[in-house]
Amino acid sequence: KMEESKVYVDKVKAYEGEMSEGEKIVKDICSHFGEENFDLSAAMEKLVEAYPEDYKLQLIVGAFYLYGNTPEKGMPVLKTAAEKGKLPGAYNMLGYGYMGQGNMEMAKAQFEAYTSAAPNHYNSHDSMGDFYMANKQYKEAAEQFEMAAKLNPDLPLHAEKAQKAKEMME
């Protein structure tokens, strides 16, 4: 996979045509491909600064921070993506971010916002179920997982999670 990636990185690095600000930042990132000490988060901050109205980009950058174990940087970016960009996925990531910080009240509010914004998407119910499981509210978790299973019957994971929640109620 690394060799495959290097082929694309080399193409970006070799490009000499006209570029947008974002493309220049991505080219700079590529010029540091494979370097251990490169500060990728600084490049991510430049992207957000260059495109303050691009909420999908902010969702990606927020996820980068959150999954890179720097939630203090990711949470504000995700809040902007959720509130200004109205991106349901940002509410989901915020919910998990708050759960990871132990702030269950804020986590619940984000998962509720996600479910409200995407009521017919299985993942919003699956995430709400995960929240309820983490809070030992097994009946509510089972209900949410069952809704996720109903909305996505091709994925058995949700039915399995519902069954586990029901077993925890006993």
Protein backbone atom coordinates (compact mmCIF):
# COMPACT_ATOMS: atom_id res chain seq x y z
CA LYS A 1 0.00 0.00 0.00
CA MET A 2 2.84 2.41 0.79
CA GLU A 3 4.31 1.95 -2.69
CA GLU A 4 0.88 2.54 -4.25
CA SER A 5 0.47 5.74 -2.25
CA LYS A 6 3.94 6.91 -3.21
CA VAL A 7 3.01 6.77 -6.91
CA TYR A 8 0.15 9.23 -6.33
CA VAL A 9 2.20 11.39 -3.99
CA ASP A 10 4.96 11.66 -6.60
CA LYS A 11 2.39 12.80 -9.21
CA VAL A 12 1.14 15.53 -6.88
CA LYS A 13 4.68 16.62 -6.03
CA ALA A 14 5.61 16.82 -9.74
CA TYR A 15 2.56 18.90 -10.73
CA GLU A 16 3.56 22.42 -11.84
CA GLY A 17 0.25 23.83 -13.09
CA GLU A 18 -2.04 26.41 -11.54
CA MET A 19 -3.21 25.44 -8.06
CA SER A 20 -5.73 26.64 -5.52
CA GLU A 21 -4.60 27.45 -1.99
CA GLY A 22 -5.83 24.04 -0.83
CA GLU A 23 -4.02 22.23 -3.60
CA LYS A 24 -0.81 24.02 -2.63
CA ILE A 25 -1.26 22.86 0.97
CA VAL A 26 -1.88 19.28 -0.18
CA LYS A 27 1.23 19.48 -2.40
CA ASP A 28 3.22 20.64 0.63
CA ILE A 29 1.86 17.71 2.64
CA CYS A 30 2.91 15.36 -0.15
CA SER A 31 6.40 16.84 -0.21
CA HIS A 32 6.81 15.56 3.36
CA PHE A 33 5.37 12.10 2.65
CA GLY A 34 7.05 9.52 4.86
CA GLU A 35 8.81 12.00 7.13
CA GLU A 36 8.37 11.08 10.77
CA ASN A 37 8.67 14.59 12.20
CA PHE A 38 6.31 16.38 9.80
CA ASP A 39 3.57 18.30 11.64
CA LEU A 40 0.50 17.23 9.69
CA SER A 41 -1.83 18.96 12.15
CA ALA A 42 -0.34 22.35 11.19
CA ALA A 43 -1.17 21.60 7.55
CA MET A 44 -4.70 20.63 8.55
CA GLU A 45 -5.08 23.95 10.38
CA LYS A 46 -3.95 25.77 7.22
CA LEU A 47 -6.63 23.96 5.21
CA VAL A 48 -9.37 24.99 7.65
CA GLU A 49 -8.09 28.58 7.63
CA ALA A 50 -7.97 28.64 3.82
CA TYR A 51 -11.50 27.25 3.49
CA PRO A 52 -13.50 28.42 6.52
CA GLU A 53 -16.84 27.80 4.79
CA ASP A 54 -16.01 24.27 3.61
CA TYR A 55 -17.75 22.30 6.31
CA LYS A 56 -17.12 18.91 4.71
CA LEU A 57 -13.40 19.67 4.88
CA GLN A 58 -13.85 20.64 8.53
CA LEU A 59 -15.59 17.34 9.17
CA ILE A 60 -12.60 15.48 7.70
CA VAL A 61 -10.07 17.58 9.64
CA GLY A 62 -12.08 17.20 12.87
CA ALA A 63 -12.13 13.43 12.37
CA PHE A 64 -8.37 13.48 11.73
CA TYR A 65 -7.83 15.16 15.09
CA LEU A 66 -10.35 13.05 16.96
CA TYR A 67 -8.97 9.75 15.68
CA GLY A 68 -5.43 11.06 16.08
CA ASN A 69 -6.03 11.43 19.82
CA THR A 70 -6.14 15.23 19.84
CA PRO A 71 -9.83 15.81 20.59
CA GLU A 72 -9.08 19.27 22.00
CA LYS A 73 -8.30 20.33 18.42
CA GLY A 74 -10.96 18.22 16.74
CA MET A 75 -14.02 19.04 18.82
CA PRO A 76 -14.20 22.77 17.90
CA VAL A 77 -13.76 21.98 14.20
CA LEU A 78 -16.46 19.30 14.38
CA LYS A 79 -18.80 21.70 16.21
CA THR A 80 -18.48 24.15 13.35
CA ALA A 81 -19.13 21.41 10.79
CA ALA A 82 -22.21 20.29 12.73
CA GLU A 83 -23.69 23.68 13.58
CA LYS A 84 -22.86 25.77 10.51
CA GLY A 85 -22.56 23.00 7.95
CA LYS A 86 -25.51 20.99 9.26
CA LEU A 87 -23.56 17.78 8.64
CA PRO A 88 -25.14 14.87 10.54
CA GLY A 89 -21.89 12.91 10.62
CA ALA A 90 -20.27 15.69 12.62
CA TYR A 91 -22.86 15.24 15.38
CA ASN A 92 -21.99 11.55 15.42
CA MET A 93 -18.27 12.18 15.81
CA LEU A 94 -18.92 14.81 18.47
CA GLY A 95 -21.03 12.29 20.38
CA TYR A 96 -18.23 9.74 20.42
CA GLY A 97 -15.72 12.48 21.25
CA TYR A 98 -17.73 13.57 24.27
CA MET A 99 -18.20 9.94 25.33
CA GLY A 100 -14.45 9.51 25.18
CA GLN A 101 -14.07 12.52 27.45
CA GLY A 102 -16.69 11.12 29.85
CA ASN A 103 -19.11 13.98 29.18
CA MET A 104 -22.22 11.85 28.78
CA GLU A 105 -24.66 14.77 28.88
CA MET A 106 -23.04 16.41 25.86
CA ALA A 107 -22.61 13.04 24.15
CA LYS A 108 -26.32 12.34 24.45
CA ALA A 109 -27.20 15.78 23.07
CA GLN A 110 -24.98 15.16 20.02
CA PHE A 111 -26.36 11.69 19.36
CA GLU A 112 -29.91 13.06 19.69
CA ALA A 113 -29.04 15.80 17.20
CA TYR A 114 -27.63 13.14 14.87
CA THR A 115 -30.75 10.98 15.15
CA SER A 116 -32.93 14.04 14.58
CA ALA A 117 -30.91 15.10 11.52
CA ALA A 118 -30.79 11.57 10.06
CA PRO A 119 -33.82 9.70 11.46
CA ASN A 120 -33.92 7.18 8.62
CA HIS A 121 -30.24 6.32 8.65
CA TYR A 122 -29.30 3.16 10.50
CA ASN A 123 -26.04 4.57 11.84
CA SER A 124 -27.73 7.33 13.84
CA HIS A 125 -29.70 4.68 15.74
CA ASP A 126 -26.66 2.42 16.08
CA SER A 127 -24.70 5.31 17.62
CA MET A 128 -27.54 6.18 19.98
CA GLY A 129 -27.59 2.49 20.95
CA ASP A 130 -23.87 2.60 21.67
CA PHE A 131 -24.49 5.60 23.93
CA TYR A 132 -27.22 3.77 25.84
CA MET A 133 -25.03 0.66 26.18
CA ALA A 134 -22.21 2.77 27.62
CA ASN A 135 -24.69 4.12 30.16
CA LYS A 136 -26.14 0.69 31.00
CA GLN A 137 -29.55 1.68 29.63
CA TYR A 138 -30.01 -1.68 27.97
CA LYS A 139 -33.71 -1.45 27.10
CA GLU A 140 -33.15 1.83 25.22
CA ALA A 141 -30.02 0.41 23.59
CA ALA A 142 -31.93 -2.65 22.35
CA GLU A 143 -34.64 -0.42 20.88
CA GLN A 144 -32.11 1.70 19.02
CA PHE A 145 -30.20 -1.31 17.71
CA GLU A 146 -33.47 -2.89 16.55
CA MET A 147 -34.31 0.29 14.66
CA ALA A 148 -30.85 0.22 13.06
CA ALA A 149 -31.44 -3.43 12.08
CA LYS A 150 -34.81 -2.54 10.59
CA LEU A 151 -33.26 0.27 8.54
CA ASN A 152 -30.31 -1.87 7.41
CA PRO A 153 -31.41 -5.52 7.40
CA ASP A 154 -28.41 -6.60 5.30
CA LEU A 155 -26.00 -5.96 8.17
CA PRO A 156 -26.46 -8.50 11.00
CA LEU A 157 -24.33 -6.47 13.42
CA HIS A 158 -27.27 -4.39 14.63
CA ALA A 159 -29.44 -7.41 15.44
CA GLU A 160 -26.48 -8.92 17.29
CA LYS A 161 -26.02 -5.74 19.30
CA ALA A 162 -29.77 -5.67 20.09
CA GLN A 163 -29.55 -9.26 21.33
CA LYS A 164 -26.56 -8.43 23.52
CA ALA A 165 -28.42 -5.46 25.02
CA LYS A 166 -31.41 -7.69 25.79
CA GLU A 167 -29.14 -10.23 27.47
CA MET A 168 -27.68 -7.45 29.63
CA MET A 169 -31.20 -6.57 30.82
CA GLU A 170 -31.58 -10.00 32.43
